[in-house]
Amino acid sequence: MTTRKNYMNAQAIFTFANHEQEMGEQMFRLDVTESEDKIIYNIIRSMFDMDNEDEREMISDIVKVSLCFSIEEEQLWELPVMKAFLARNGKYYFDEEQRDDVEASIKELLDSWKEEIV
């Protein structure tokens, strides 16, 4: 079996403030030059159809994302971004009371579609 360089499978459980919990799964290529917030944002965004108004609204309604990665290349776990992911146990909280700087940045990116529509 051939390994595709830096490819990972992401599974996510999305918890929303006003919608039922949903799951998503996406294969993606890890850009080792990107920051944690951009990587997580890109993974989340890839699981939603941003051309669909209802899905755009849902992406802004996320209060928590629980992620799990499957990686064939073990050395990827040594990257700082992956260590940061592990330190969070794969959980990202977007409630104003719970989020840190990385989560605040991800939330800002998730809500940026609103500015694009105006």
N, C-alpha and C. Protein backbone atom coordinates (compact mmCIF):
# COMPACT_ATOMS: atom_id res chain seq x y z
N MET A 1 0.84 -1.19 0.00
CA MET A 1 0.00 0.00 0.00
C MET A 1 0.88 1.24 0.00
N THR A 2 0.60 2.17 -0.89
CA THR A 2 1.37 3.39 -1.01
C THR A 2 0.80 4.45 -0.06
N THR A 3 1.70 5.09 0.67
CA THR A 3 1.29 6.16 1.57
C THR A 3 1.37 7.48 0.82
N ARG A 4 0.31 8.26 0.88
CA ARG A 4 0.33 9.60 0.28
C ARG A 4 0.89 10.55 1.32
N LYS A 5 1.92 11.26 0.95
CA LYS A 5 2.67 12.10 1.89
C LYS A 5 1.77 13.10 2.62
N ASN A 6 1.85 13.05 3.94
CA ASN A 6 1.17 13.99 4.84
C ASN A 6 -0.36 13.92 4.78
N TYR A 7 -0.91 12.82 4.28
CA TYR A 7 -2.37 12.69 4.25
C TYR A 7 -2.85 12.07 5.55
N MET A 8 -4.01 12.59 6.00
CA MET A 8 -4.62 12.13 7.24
C MET A 8 -6.12 11.99 7.03
N ASN A 9 -6.73 11.16 7.83
CA ASN A 9 -8.17 11.06 7.85
C ASN A 9 -8.65 11.72 9.14
N ALA A 10 -9.58 12.65 9.00
CA ALA A 10 -10.14 13.33 10.17
C ALA A 10 -11.58 12.92 10.36
N GLN A 11 -11.93 12.56 11.58
CA GLN A 11 -13.31 12.30 11.95
C GLN A 11 -13.68 13.36 12.99
N ALA A 12 -14.88 13.91 12.86
CA ALA A 12 -15.29 14.99 13.75
C ALA A 12 -16.70 14.77 14.28
N ILE A 13 -16.89 15.18 15.51
CA ILE A 13 -18.23 15.27 16.10
C ILE A 13 -18.45 16.75 16.37
N PHE A 14 -19.49 17.30 15.76
CA PHE A 14 -19.82 18.72 15.92
C PHE A 14 -20.98 18.86 16.90
N THR A 15 -20.78 19.70 17.90
CA THR A 15 -21.84 20.04 18.84
C THR A 15 -22.25 21.48 18.56
N PHE A 16 -23.55 21.69 18.37
CA PHE A 16 -24.08 23.00 18.02
C PHE A 16 -24.92 23.56 19.16
N ALA A 17 -25.07 24.87 19.17
CA ALA A 17 -25.93 25.51 20.16
C ALA A 17 -27.40 25.25 19.85
N ASN A 18 -27.76 25.24 18.55
CA ASN A 18 -29.17 25.19 18.17
C ASN A 18 -29.52 24.09 17.17
N HIS A 19 -28.63 23.11 17.01
CA HIS A 19 -28.87 22.02 16.07
C HIS A 19 -28.48 20.70 16.73
N GLU A 20 -28.95 19.60 16.15
CA GLU A 20 -28.56 18.27 16.62
C GLU A 20 -27.07 18.05 16.34
N GLN A 21 -26.44 17.25 17.17
CA GLN A 21 -25.04 16.89 16.98
C GLN A 21 -24.87 16.18 15.63
N GLU A 22 -23.76 16.42 14.95
CA GLU A 22 -23.50 15.77 13.66
C GLU A 22 -22.08 15.26 13.63
N MET A 23 -21.86 14.29 12.74
CA MET A 23 -20.52 13.74 12.55
C MET A 23 -20.07 14.03 11.12
N GLY A 24 -18.76 14.10 10.94
CA GLY A 24 -18.20 14.29 9.61
C GLY A 24 -16.89 13.54 9.51
N GLU A 25 -16.50 13.27 8.27
CA GLU A 25 -15.23 12.59 8.03
C GLU A 25 -14.64 13.15 6.75
N GLN A 26 -13.33 13.38 6.75
CA GLN A 26 -12.68 13.98 5.59
C GLN A 26 -11.23 13.55 5.54
N MET A 27 -10.77 13.18 4.34
CA MET A 27 -9.35 12.93 4.11
C MET A 27 -8.74 14.27 3.70
N PHE A 28 -7.59 14.61 4.25
CA PHE A 28 -6.96 15.88 3.89
C PHE A 28 -5.45 15.75 3.96
N ARG A 29 -4.81 16.68 3.30
CA ARG A 29 -3.35 16.74 3.31
C ARG A 29 -2.93 17.77 4.35
N LEU A 30 -2.14 17.35 5.32
CA LEU A 30 -1.66 18.24 6.36
C LEU A 30 -0.58 19.15 5.80
N ASP A 31 -0.83 20.44 5.82
CA ASP A 31 0.17 21.43 5.42
C ASP A 31 1.00 21.72 6.66
N VAL A 32 2.22 21.18 6.69
CA VAL A 32 3.05 21.28 7.89
C VAL A 32 3.53 22.70 8.16
N THR A 33 3.28 23.63 7.24
CA THR A 33 3.69 25.02 7.44
C THR A 33 2.57 25.85 8.07
N GLU A 34 1.36 25.30 8.14
CA GLU A 34 0.21 26.05 8.67
C GLU A 34 0.16 25.99 10.19
N SER A 35 -0.47 26.99 10.78
CA SER A 35 -0.66 27.05 12.23
C SER A 35 -1.84 26.17 12.64
N GLU A 36 -1.92 25.86 13.92
CA GLU A 36 -2.99 25.00 14.43
C GLU A 36 -4.37 25.55 14.09
N ASP A 37 -4.59 26.84 14.30
CA ASP A 37 -5.91 27.41 14.04
C ASP A 37 -6.31 27.27 12.57
N LYS A 38 -5.39 27.51 11.66
CA LYS A 38 -5.70 27.41 10.22
C LYS A 38 -5.97 25.95 9.82
N ILE A 39 -5.19 25.03 10.35
CA ILE A 39 -5.40 23.61 10.03
C ILE A 39 -6.77 23.15 10.50
N ILE A 40 -7.11 23.45 11.74
CA ILE A 40 -8.39 23.00 12.29
C ILE A 40 -9.54 23.69 11.55
N TYR A 41 -9.40 24.98 11.28
CA TYR A 41 -10.42 25.70 10.51
C TYR A 41 -10.64 25.04 9.14
N ASN A 42 -9.55 24.74 8.43
CA ASN A 42 -9.67 24.14 7.10
C ASN A 42 -10.34 22.77 7.16
N ILE A 43 -10.04 22.01 8.20
CA ILE A 43 -10.69 20.70 8.35
C ILE A 43 -12.19 20.88 8.58
N ILE A 44 -12.55 21.76 9.51
CA ILE A 44 -13.96 21.99 9.80
C ILE A 44 -14.69 22.49 8.55
N ARG A 45 -14.13 23.49 7.91
CA ARG A 45 -14.77 24.09 6.74
C ARG A 45 -14.95 23.06 5.62
N SER A 46 -14.01 22.15 5.48
CA SER A 46 -14.09 21.15 4.41
C SER A 46 -15.27 20.20 4.61
N MET A 47 -15.82 20.15 5.80
CA MET A 47 -16.92 19.24 6.10
C MET A 47 -18.29 19.91 5.93
N PHE A 48 -18.29 21.16 5.49
CA PHE A 48 -19.53 21.91 5.28
C PHE A 48 -19.54 22.47 3.87
N ASP A 49 -20.74 22.58 3.29
CA ASP A 49 -20.91 23.17 1.97
C ASP A 49 -21.14 24.67 2.17
N MET A 50 -20.11 25.46 1.92
CA MET A 50 -20.21 26.89 2.17
C MET A 50 -21.07 27.63 1.15
N ASP A 51 -21.52 26.92 0.11
CA ASP A 51 -22.46 27.51 -0.84
C ASP A 51 -23.91 27.33 -0.38
N ASN A 52 -24.09 26.57 0.70
CA ASN A 52 -25.42 26.29 1.23
C ASN A 52 -25.66 27.18 2.46
N GLU A 53 -26.70 28.00 2.40
CA GLU A 53 -26.98 28.96 3.48
C GLU A 53 -27.17 28.27 4.83
N ASP A 54 -27.90 27.15 4.85
CA ASP A 54 -28.14 26.43 6.11
C ASP A 54 -26.83 25.92 6.70
N GLU A 55 -25.94 25.42 5.86
CA GLU A 55 -24.66 24.91 6.38
C GLU A 55 -23.74 26.03 6.84
N ARG A 56 -23.82 27.19 6.19
CA ARG A 56 -23.04 28.35 6.67
C ARG A 56 -23.53 28.76 8.06
N GLU A 57 -24.84 28.75 8.23
CA GLU A 57 -25.40 29.10 9.55
C GLU A 57 -24.95 28.07 10.59
N MET A 58 -24.93 26.80 10.21
CA MET A 58 -24.52 25.76 11.15
C MET A 58 -23.06 25.92 11.57
N ILE A 59 -22.21 26.29 10.62
CA ILE A 59 -20.79 26.41 10.95
C ILE A 59 -20.58 27.50 12.00
N SER A 60 -21.43 28.52 11.98
CA SER A 60 -21.33 29.59 12.99
C SER A 60 -22.00 29.21 14.30
N ASP A 61 -22.76 28.12 14.30
CA ASP A 61 -23.48 27.66 15.49
C ASP A 61 -22.68 26.61 16.28
N ILE A 62 -21.51 26.23 15.77
CA ILE A 62 -20.70 25.22 16.45
C ILE A 62 -20.21 25.75 17.80
N VAL A 63 -20.38 24.95 18.85
CA VAL A 63 -19.85 25.32 20.16
C VAL A 63 -18.70 24.40 20.59
N LYS A 64 -18.61 23.22 19.94
CA LYS A 64 -17.53 22.29 20.28
C LYS A 64 -17.29 21.35 19.10
N VAL A 65 -16.01 21.05 18.86
CA VAL A 65 -15.64 20.06 17.87
C VAL A 65 -14.70 19.07 18.55
N SER A 66 -15.01 17.80 18.41
CA SER A 66 -14.13 16.73 18.88
C SER A 66 -13.57 16.04 17.65
N LEU A 67 -12.25 16.02 17.53
CA LEU A 67 -11.58 15.47 16.35
C LEU A 67 -10.77 14.24 16.69
N CYS A 68 -10.69 13.36 15.72
CA CYS A 68 -9.84 12.18 15.80
C CYS A 68 -9.13 12.05 14.46
N PHE A 69 -7.82 11.85 14.48
CA PHE A 69 -7.04 11.71 13.25
C PHE A 69 -6.50 10.30 13.11
N SER A 70 -6.52 9.80 11.88
CA SER A 70 -5.84 8.55 11.54
C SER A 70 -4.68 8.94 10.63
N ILE A 71 -3.47 8.56 11.05
CA ILE A 71 -2.27 8.95 10.33
C ILE A 71 -1.43 7.72 10.05
N GLU A 72 -1.02 7.58 8.80
CA GLU A 72 -0.15 6.46 8.45
C GLU A 72 1.32 6.78 8.73
N GLU A 73 1.67 8.04 8.64
CA GLU A 73 3.06 8.45 8.85
C GLU A 73 3.25 8.88 10.32
N GLU A 74 3.77 7.99 11.12
CA GLU A 74 3.89 8.22 12.56
C GLU A 74 4.67 9.48 12.91
N GLN A 75 5.63 9.87 12.07
CA GLN A 75 6.45 11.05 12.39
C GLN A 75 5.62 12.34 12.40
N LEU A 76 4.44 12.33 11.79
CA LEU A 76 3.60 13.53 11.82
C LEU A 76 3.16 13.87 13.24
N TRP A 77 3.06 12.87 14.10
CA TRP A 77 2.66 13.13 15.49
C TRP A 77 3.71 13.95 16.23
N GLU A 78 4.93 14.03 15.70
CA GLU A 78 6.00 14.79 16.35
C GLU A 78 5.96 16.28 16.01
N LEU A 79 5.15 16.67 15.04
CA LEU A 79 5.04 18.07 14.66
C LEU A 79 4.41 18.88 15.80
N PRO A 80 4.86 20.12 16.00
CA PRO A 80 4.28 20.95 17.06
C PRO A 80 2.75 21.08 16.97
N VAL A 81 2.23 21.21 15.76
CA VAL A 81 0.78 21.36 15.61
C VAL A 81 0.05 20.10 16.07
N MET A 82 0.63 18.94 15.83
CA MET A 82 -0.01 17.70 16.25
C MET A 82 0.13 17.50 17.75
N LYS A 83 1.24 17.93 18.31
CA LYS A 83 1.40 17.87 19.77
C LYS A 83 0.38 18.78 20.46
N ALA A 84 0.13 19.95 19.85
CA ALA A 84 -0.87 20.87 20.40
C ALA A 84 -2.26 20.24 20.34
N PHE A 85 -2.55 19.56 19.22
CA PHE A 85 -3.82 18.85 19.07
C PHE A 85 -3.98 17.80 20.16
N LEU A 86 -2.92 17.01 20.39
CA LEU A 86 -2.97 15.97 21.42
C LEU A 86 -3.13 16.55 22.81
N ALA A 87 -2.49 17.70 23.07
CA ALA A 87 -2.60 18.34 24.38
C ALA A 87 -4.05 18.74 24.69
N ARG A 88 -4.84 18.98 23.65
CA ARG A 88 -6.26 19.33 23.81
C ARG A 88 -7.16 18.10 23.80
N ASN A 89 -6.56 16.93 23.63
CA ASN A 89 -7.35 15.70 23.47
C ASN A 89 -8.30 15.80 22.29
N GLY A 90 -7.91 16.60 21.28
CA GLY A 90 -8.71 16.71 20.06
C GLY A 90 -9.99 17.50 20.22
N LYS A 91 -10.14 18.24 21.31
CA LYS A 91 -11.37 18.98 21.57
C LYS A 91 -11.13 20.49 21.46
N TYR A 92 -12.03 21.14 20.73
CA TYR A 92 -11.96 22.59 20.53
C TYR A 92 -13.31 23.17 20.93
N TYR A 93 -13.26 24.15 21.85
CA TYR A 93 -14.47 24.77 22.41
C TYR A 93 -14.59 26.20 21.87
N PHE A 94 -15.79 26.58 21.44
CA PHE A 94 -15.97 27.90 20.84
C PHE A 94 -16.89 28.81 21.63
N ASP A 95 -17.38 28.35 22.77
CA ASP A 95 -18.16 29.20 23.66
C ASP A 95 -17.24 30.29 24.20
N GLU A 96 -17.71 31.51 24.23
CA GLU A 96 -16.87 32.64 24.67
C GLU A 96 -16.25 32.42 26.05
N GLU A 97 -16.96 31.72 26.91
CA GLU A 97 -16.48 31.49 28.27
C GLU A 97 -15.35 30.45 28.32
N GLN A 98 -15.25 29.61 27.31
CA GLN A 98 -14.32 28.48 27.36
C GLN A 98 -13.14 28.59 26.41
N ARG A 99 -13.21 29.42 25.39
CA ARG A 99 -12.18 29.38 24.35
C ARG A 99 -10.91 30.12 24.72
N ASP A 100 -9.79 29.59 24.21
CA ASP A 100 -8.51 30.25 24.37
C ASP A 100 -8.18 31.00 23.08
N ASP A 101 -6.96 31.49 22.93
CA ASP A 101 -6.60 32.29 21.75
C ASP A 101 -6.71 31.49 20.45
N VAL A 102 -6.29 30.25 20.46
CA VAL A 102 -6.36 29.41 19.25
C VAL A 102 -7.82 29.18 18.88
N GLU A 103 -8.64 28.83 19.84
CA GLU A 103 -10.06 28.59 19.59
C GLU A 103 -10.77 29.87 19.16
N ALA A 104 -10.38 31.01 19.74
CA ALA A 104 -10.97 32.29 19.34
C ALA A 104 -10.63 32.60 17.88
N SER A 105 -9.41 32.29 17.48
CA SER A 105 -8.99 32.51 16.09
C SER A 105 -9.77 31.60 15.14
N ILE A 106 -9.94 30.34 15.53
CA ILE A 106 -10.71 29.40 14.70
C ILE A 106 -12.15 29.91 14.56
N LYS A 107 -12.75 30.34 15.66
CA LYS A 107 -14.13 30.84 15.65
C LYS A 107 -14.25 32.06 14.73
N GLU A 108 -13.28 32.94 14.79
CA GLU A 108 -13.28 34.12 13.93
C GLU A 108 -13.22 33.70 12.45
N LEU A 109 -12.38 32.73 12.15
CA LEU A 109 -12.28 32.22 10.79
C LEU A 109 -13.59 31.56 10.35
N LEU A 110 -14.21 30.79 11.26
CA LEU A 110 -15.47 30.13 10.95
C LEU A 110 -16.58 31.14 10.64
N ASP A 111 -16.54 32.27 11.31
CA ASP A 111 -17.57 33.29 11.12
C ASP A 111 -17.25 34.26 9.98
N SER A 112 -16.08 34.12 9.37
CA SER A 112 -15.65 35.08 8.34
C SER A 112 -16.53 35.05 7.09
N TRP A 113 -17.27 33.96 6.87
CA TRP A 113 -18.17 33.90 5.70
C TRP A 113 -19.20 35.02 5.75
N LYS A 114 -19.56 35.48 6.95
CA LYS A 114 -20.57 36.52 7.08
C LYS A 114 -20.11 37.82 6.42
N GLU A 115 -18.81 38.10 6.54
CA GLU A 115 -18.25 39.31 5.93
C GLU A 115 -18.17 39.17 4.41
N GLU A 116 -17.97 37.94 3.93
CA GLU A 116 -17.87 37.70 2.49
C GLU A 116 -19.22 37.90 1.80
N ILE A 117 -20.32 37.67 2.52
CA ILE A 117 -21.68 37.75 1.96
C ILE A 117 -22.11 39.21 1.81
N VAL A 118 -21.71 40.05 2.74
CA VAL A 118 -22.18 41.45 2.78
C VAL A 118 -21.86 42.21 1.55
